[in-house]
Structures are given as structure tokens and as C-alpha cells.
Amino acid sequence: MVSRTTGRKDRVHSGSQGHPLPPPVIPPNHPPHRLLLVDDDPVLLETLTDLLQHEGFTVTTAESGEGAERLLGAAYPPFDLVLTDLVMPGKSGMDVLRKALQVNPSCTVLILSGFGTVREATEAMDLGAYGMVTKPLHLDQFRNMLRRLLERIQLIHDRDQLRKQVAELQAKVESLEATKGRMEMLAHRINPAADSGSEALGDLERLAGLKARGMLSEEQFEAGKKALISRWLS
């Protein structure tokens, strides 16, 4: 069975009854992070859901690896954070890890385990997990882990944004170079004796530069180019 839970709890009790948790790791004025939580123990699933909601996450839950894989495959945008139990009937936490990274290679996956052997931790890390946390959870350590997870997600977001900006800049440079090449061909057709350093080509290059920086629209660029050509031919 798969259940979905969203929102933020104001108080979650831990240890002695009636004692609220410290302030959440995600401040209330910040947008919540979407998180997929997977565990076949319904009591632990509910407890962790309450805790994670208090910490500022919007939590989606799955009670099996199969349910988690269905949610991962259907989610859009994809989850960027997954917490999954290691040992479950049917699909295991390792299966959930593989599926999460298949859907979103930038996903941060944390494995929860009641055993936590070195071999399992090494295997999970080799497959791409961020780390492994042993159960029962020590809440202070778990919150510190959540803070590190958020820092990692932010770094991944910044990296992806930088890659996007670099790709856009590269595309603009390639477009400018292509435009310059076409202008050089045009200049040589108009005046075969003219070289790339000629005044005519310089005017065209300056015009193309203004267009590349967004200071001229396509229509303004074409009008200016036609005016230059008319002047050269006169």
C-alpha cells in the first residue's frame, strides 16, 4: 500500500511526552523540499513522516520497494531526495536506490538500516547512495544529516544551473560565430578585395554584437544590415 502525506507538523514528540523538537532545519518562511520516504514498518513510517514534516519537508511515503519505484517513475518533477529502508519484502532499498538514480541521476539517496554492516554501506555508496544511517535513529545526528543533505542538494542545484548557463552562453557564442562567418562571406562577395579587418565587416560585426547582447531585435538587425549593404553598393 502506498500513502501520500504532505505539509508541515508544528510539533513532533520525541523521548519524554510533551517535549517539542527544536526549530526545523528548513525555516517556515522557506519553501519545503519534496522527499520520498520508504519503509515497510508502518509505525516507523508514521514517526519519521511526523519528524520530517516538522523539519520542513513535504513527505510522500511508500510502504514497499515496489510502491516506491512506481512513485519514482511517475513523479514530475522527479524527487531530489529519497530516504529508504534497506531490508524490505520484495524490492529492497538497493532496488529503490537504483531506480531513484535511474530516474534522476542527481537524486540524493539516504539508506536507513537496522543492521548497517560495512559491506552494505560500501555497496550502497558504490551504487551512488549519499550514506547510510543505522536504526534506531539518534535525532540530533539525524537532523545534522538532514542539514548536510540540504547543503548537497543546494550545491547540485547550483551546479546544474551553472551548467545550463554555460550551455546557453556557448550556444550564443556559436550563433555569433556563425553570423560572423556569414557576414564575412557576404563582405567578400560585395568586395572580394576586402579583408576581415575592413571597415565594412567591422560595421557588421558591431551590429551582430548588439544583436547578441539583446540590444537589437531580429527586425532591427536585419534592417541595419540592409542599410549597410545599400551603403556599400551605392
Protein backbone atom coordinates (compact mmCIF):
# COMPACT_ATOMS: atom_id res chain seq x y z
CA MET A 1 0.00 0.00 0.00
CA VAL A 2 1.24 3.49 -0.80
CA SER A 3 0.23 6.59 1.10
CA ARG A 4 0.98 10.26 0.47
CA THR A 5 1.43 12.82 3.21
CA THR A 6 2.15 16.49 2.71
CA GLY A 7 2.54 19.55 4.87
CA ARG A 8 4.41 20.60 7.98
CA LYS A 9 3.76 19.44 11.55
CA ASP A 10 4.06 22.09 14.26
CA ARG A 11 5.18 19.68 16.95
CA VAL A 12 6.62 16.19 16.99
CA HIS A 13 7.30 14.47 20.28
CA SER A 14 10.46 12.54 20.96
CA GLY A 15 11.60 10.93 24.18
CA SER A 16 9.50 12.30 27.04
CA GLN A 17 5.92 13.13 26.22
CA GLY A 18 5.14 16.80 25.60
CA HIS A 19 8.62 17.96 24.61
CA PRO A 20 8.66 19.66 21.19
CA LEU A 21 11.54 19.26 18.77
CA PRO A 22 13.96 22.16 18.18
CA PRO A 23 13.29 24.61 15.31
CA PRO A 24 13.11 22.87 11.91
CA VAL A 25 16.13 22.58 9.63
CA ILE A 26 14.07 24.27 6.88
CA PRO A 27 12.77 27.59 8.23
CA PRO A 28 8.98 28.09 7.91
CA ASN A 29 9.47 31.01 5.51
CA HIS A 30 11.42 28.80 3.08
CA PRO A 31 9.73 26.54 0.51
CA PRO A 32 9.60 22.89 1.61
CA HIS A 33 11.65 20.18 -0.09
CA ARG A 34 9.87 17.17 -1.60
CA LEU A 35 11.04 13.91 -0.09
CA LEU A 36 10.18 10.26 -0.71
CA LEU A 37 10.24 8.12 2.44
CA VAL A 38 10.18 4.33 2.06
CA ASP A 39 9.79 1.81 4.92
CA ASP A 40 7.71 -1.32 5.37
CA ASP A 41 7.24 -0.63 9.11
CA PRO A 42 4.05 1.48 9.33
CA VAL A 43 4.85 2.72 12.86
CA LEU A 44 8.34 3.90 11.90
CA LEU A 45 6.98 5.32 8.65
CA GLU A 46 4.46 7.43 10.55
CA THR A 47 7.04 8.52 13.14
CA LEU A 48 9.60 9.57 10.50
CA THR A 49 6.88 11.30 8.48
CA ASP A 50 5.96 13.42 11.52
CA LEU A 51 9.61 14.20 12.16
CA LEU A 52 10.39 15.12 8.57
CA GLN A 53 7.26 17.25 8.24
CA HIS A 54 8.31 19.14 11.35
CA GLU A 55 11.74 19.70 9.78
CA GLY A 56 10.06 21.40 6.83
CA PHE A 57 9.80 18.64 4.23
CA THR A 58 6.82 17.73 2.10
CA VAL A 59 6.76 13.97 2.52
CA THR A 60 5.50 11.29 0.16
CA THR A 61 5.55 7.78 1.63
CA ALA A 62 5.71 4.24 0.28
CA GLU A 63 5.39 1.06 2.35
CA SER A 64 7.27 -1.13 -0.13
CA GLY A 65 10.05 -1.00 -2.67
CA GLU A 66 7.56 -1.72 -5.44
CA GLY A 67 5.41 1.23 -4.36
CA ALA A 68 8.48 3.46 -4.20
CA GLU A 69 9.51 2.50 -7.72
CA ARG A 70 6.04 3.37 -9.04
CA LEU A 71 6.15 6.77 -7.33
CA LEU A 72 9.66 7.46 -8.59
CA GLY A 73 8.64 6.61 -12.14
CA ALA A 74 5.54 8.81 -12.05
CA ALA A 75 6.88 11.85 -10.17
CA TYR A 76 7.34 15.09 -12.11
CA PRO A 77 9.48 16.89 -11.35
CA PRO A 78 11.46 13.93 -10.02
CA PHE A 79 12.29 13.59 -6.34
CA ASP A 80 15.66 15.07 -5.44
CA LEU A 81 15.73 13.38 -2.00
CA VAL A 82 14.89 9.78 -1.06
CA LEU A 83 15.15 8.08 2.34
CA THR A 84 14.63 4.33 2.12
CA ASP A 85 14.82 1.33 4.42
CA LEU A 86 17.37 -1.24 3.30
CA VAL A 87 15.68 -4.56 4.05
CA MET A 88 12.06 -4.92 2.89
CA PRO A 89 9.97 -7.78 1.48
CA GLY A 90 10.26 -7.88 -2.30
CA LYS A 91 12.15 -4.89 -3.66
CA SER A 92 14.91 -3.78 -1.32
CA GLY A 93 16.37 -0.39 -0.54
CA MET A 94 19.13 -1.11 -3.07
CA ASP A 95 16.45 -1.52 -5.75
CA VAL A 96 14.89 1.80 -4.71
CA LEU A 97 18.35 3.41 -4.85
CA ARG A 98 18.95 2.16 -8.40
CA LYS A 99 15.52 3.33 -9.56
CA ALA A 100 15.90 6.77 -7.96
CA LEU A 101 19.25 7.36 -9.67
CA GLN A 102 17.94 5.98 -12.96
CA VAL A 103 15.08 8.50 -12.93
CA ASN A 104 17.18 11.39 -11.58
CA PRO A 105 20.97 10.93 -11.56
CA SER A 106 21.25 13.99 -9.28
CA CYS A 107 18.95 12.46 -6.64
CA THR A 108 20.33 12.28 -3.09
CA VAL A 109 19.52 8.88 -1.52
CA LEU A 110 19.97 8.02 2.15
CA ILE A 111 19.73 4.38 3.23
CA LEU A 112 18.15 3.52 6.60
CA SER A 113 19.23 0.21 8.09
CA GLY A 114 18.74 -1.70 11.32
CA PHE A 115 21.93 -3.64 10.63
CA GLY A 116 24.32 -1.25 8.93
CA THR A 117 27.23 -3.54 8.11
CA VAL A 118 30.34 -2.14 6.47
CA ARG A 119 29.72 -4.33 3.43
CA GLU A 120 26.20 -2.97 2.96
CA ALA A 121 27.32 0.62 3.45
CA THR A 122 30.14 0.15 0.93
CA GLU A 123 27.79 -1.43 -1.61
CA ALA A 124 25.26 1.37 -1.20
CA MET A 125 27.94 4.04 -1.62
CA ASP A 126 29.30 2.25 -4.69
CA LEU A 127 25.81 2.36 -6.21
CA GLY A 128 25.57 6.10 -5.58
CA ALA A 129 23.94 6.47 -2.15
CA TYR A 130 24.85 9.56 -0.14
CA GLY A 131 25.22 7.47 3.00
CA MET A 132 23.66 5.03 5.45
CA VAL A 133 22.01 5.72 8.81
CA THR A 134 21.54 2.95 11.34
CA LYS A 135 18.29 2.47 13.25
CA PRO A 136 17.23 3.35 15.88
CA LEU A 137 17.90 6.94 14.86
CA HIS A 138 19.65 9.42 17.13
CA LEU A 139 17.60 12.52 16.43
CA ASP A 140 20.35 15.12 16.79
CA GLN A 141 22.62 13.18 14.46
CA PHE A 142 19.73 12.63 12.06
CA ARG A 143 18.96 16.36 11.93
CA ASN A 144 22.61 17.10 11.26
CA MET A 145 22.48 14.58 8.43
CA LEU A 146 19.38 16.32 7.03
CA ARG A 147 21.24 19.64 7.06
CA ARG A 148 24.10 18.09 5.10
CA LEU A 149 21.62 16.59 2.65
CA LEU A 150 20.07 20.01 2.06
CA GLU A 151 23.51 21.55 1.54
CA ARG A 152 24.31 18.86 -1.01
CA ILE A 153 21.01 19.37 -2.83
CA GLN A 154 21.67 23.12 -3.00
CA LEU A 155 25.16 22.51 -4.38
CA ILE A 156 23.74 20.15 -7.00
CA HIS A 157 21.12 22.75 -7.93
CA ASP A 158 23.77 25.46 -8.23
CA ARG A 159 25.94 23.16 -10.35
CA ASP A 160 23.08 22.31 -12.69
CA GLN A 161 22.15 25.99 -13.04
CA LEU A 162 25.77 26.86 -13.84
CA ARG A 163 25.92 24.11 -16.46
CA LYS A 164 22.73 25.44 -18.02
CA GLN A 165 24.09 28.98 -18.12
CA VAL A 166 27.37 27.79 -19.66
CA ALA A 167 25.44 25.83 -22.31
CA GLU A 168 23.30 28.87 -23.13
CA LEU A 169 26.39 31.08 -23.36
CA GLN A 170 28.12 28.55 -25.60
CA ALA A 171 25.08 28.45 -27.87
CA LYS A 172 25.13 32.25 -28.14
CA VAL A 173 28.85 32.22 -28.96
CA GLU A 174 28.33 29.59 -31.64
CA SER A 175 25.44 31.58 -33.09
CA LEU A 176 27.57 34.72 -33.14
CA GLU A 177 30.43 32.90 -34.81
CA ALA A 178 28.06 31.52 -37.43
CA THR A 179 26.65 35.01 -38.04
CA LYS A 180 30.16 36.43 -38.32
CA GLY A 181 31.08 33.75 -40.85
CA ARG A 182 28.07 34.55 -42.98
CA MET A 183 28.92 38.25 -42.82
CA GLU A 184 32.49 37.58 -43.90
CA MET A 185 31.19 35.66 -46.91
CA LEU A 186 28.80 38.49 -47.71
CA ALA A 187 31.52 41.13 -47.39
CA HIS A 188 33.82 39.24 -49.76
CA ARG A 189 31.01 38.82 -52.28
CA ILE A 190 30.33 42.55 -52.20
CA ASN A 191 34.02 43.44 -52.34
CA PRO A 192 36.35 40.49 -52.94
CA ALA A 193 39.34 42.68 -52.15
CA ALA A 194 38.08 43.49 -48.65
CA ASP A 195 39.50 41.54 -45.74
CA SER A 196 38.08 40.68 -42.29
CA GLY A 197 39.54 43.85 -40.87
CA SER A 198 37.78 46.12 -43.32
CA GLU A 199 35.54 48.94 -42.17
CA ALA A 200 32.50 47.27 -43.77
CA LEU A 201 33.00 44.00 -41.93
CA GLY A 202 33.67 45.89 -38.72
CA ASP A 203 30.29 47.59 -39.03
CA LEU A 204 28.60 44.23 -39.50
CA GLU A 205 30.42 42.71 -36.53
CA ARG A 206 29.39 45.58 -34.28
CA LEU A 207 25.82 45.17 -35.47
CA ALA A 208 25.94 41.44 -34.72
CA GLY A 209 27.38 42.15 -31.29
CA LEU A 210 24.49 44.43 -30.42
CA LYS A 211 22.04 41.73 -31.51
CA ALA A 212 23.84 39.03 -29.50
CA ARG A 213 23.64 41.16 -26.34
CA GLY A 214 19.91 41.63 -26.85
CA MET A 215 20.22 45.32 -27.68
CA LEU A 216 18.76 44.81 -31.16
CA SER A 217 15.76 42.72 -32.15
CA GLU A 218 15.88 40.44 -35.18
CA GLU A 219 13.93 43.01 -37.19
CA GLN A 220 16.26 45.85 -36.17
CA PHE A 221 19.31 43.75 -37.00
CA GLU A 222 18.01 42.87 -40.47
CA ALA A 223 17.08 46.50 -41.14
CA GLY A 224 20.54 47.68 -40.11
CA LYS A 225 22.22 45.01 -42.20
CA LYS A 226 20.22 46.01 -45.28
CA ALA A 227 21.12 49.67 -44.69
CA LEU A 228 24.82 48.78 -44.53
CA ILE A 229 24.65 46.72 -47.70
CA SER A 230 22.85 49.52 -49.51
CA ARG A 231 25.53 51.96 -48.42
CA TRP A 232 28.34 49.68 -49.62
CA LEU A 233 26.67 49.17 -53.01
CA SER A 234 25.97 52.87 -53.57
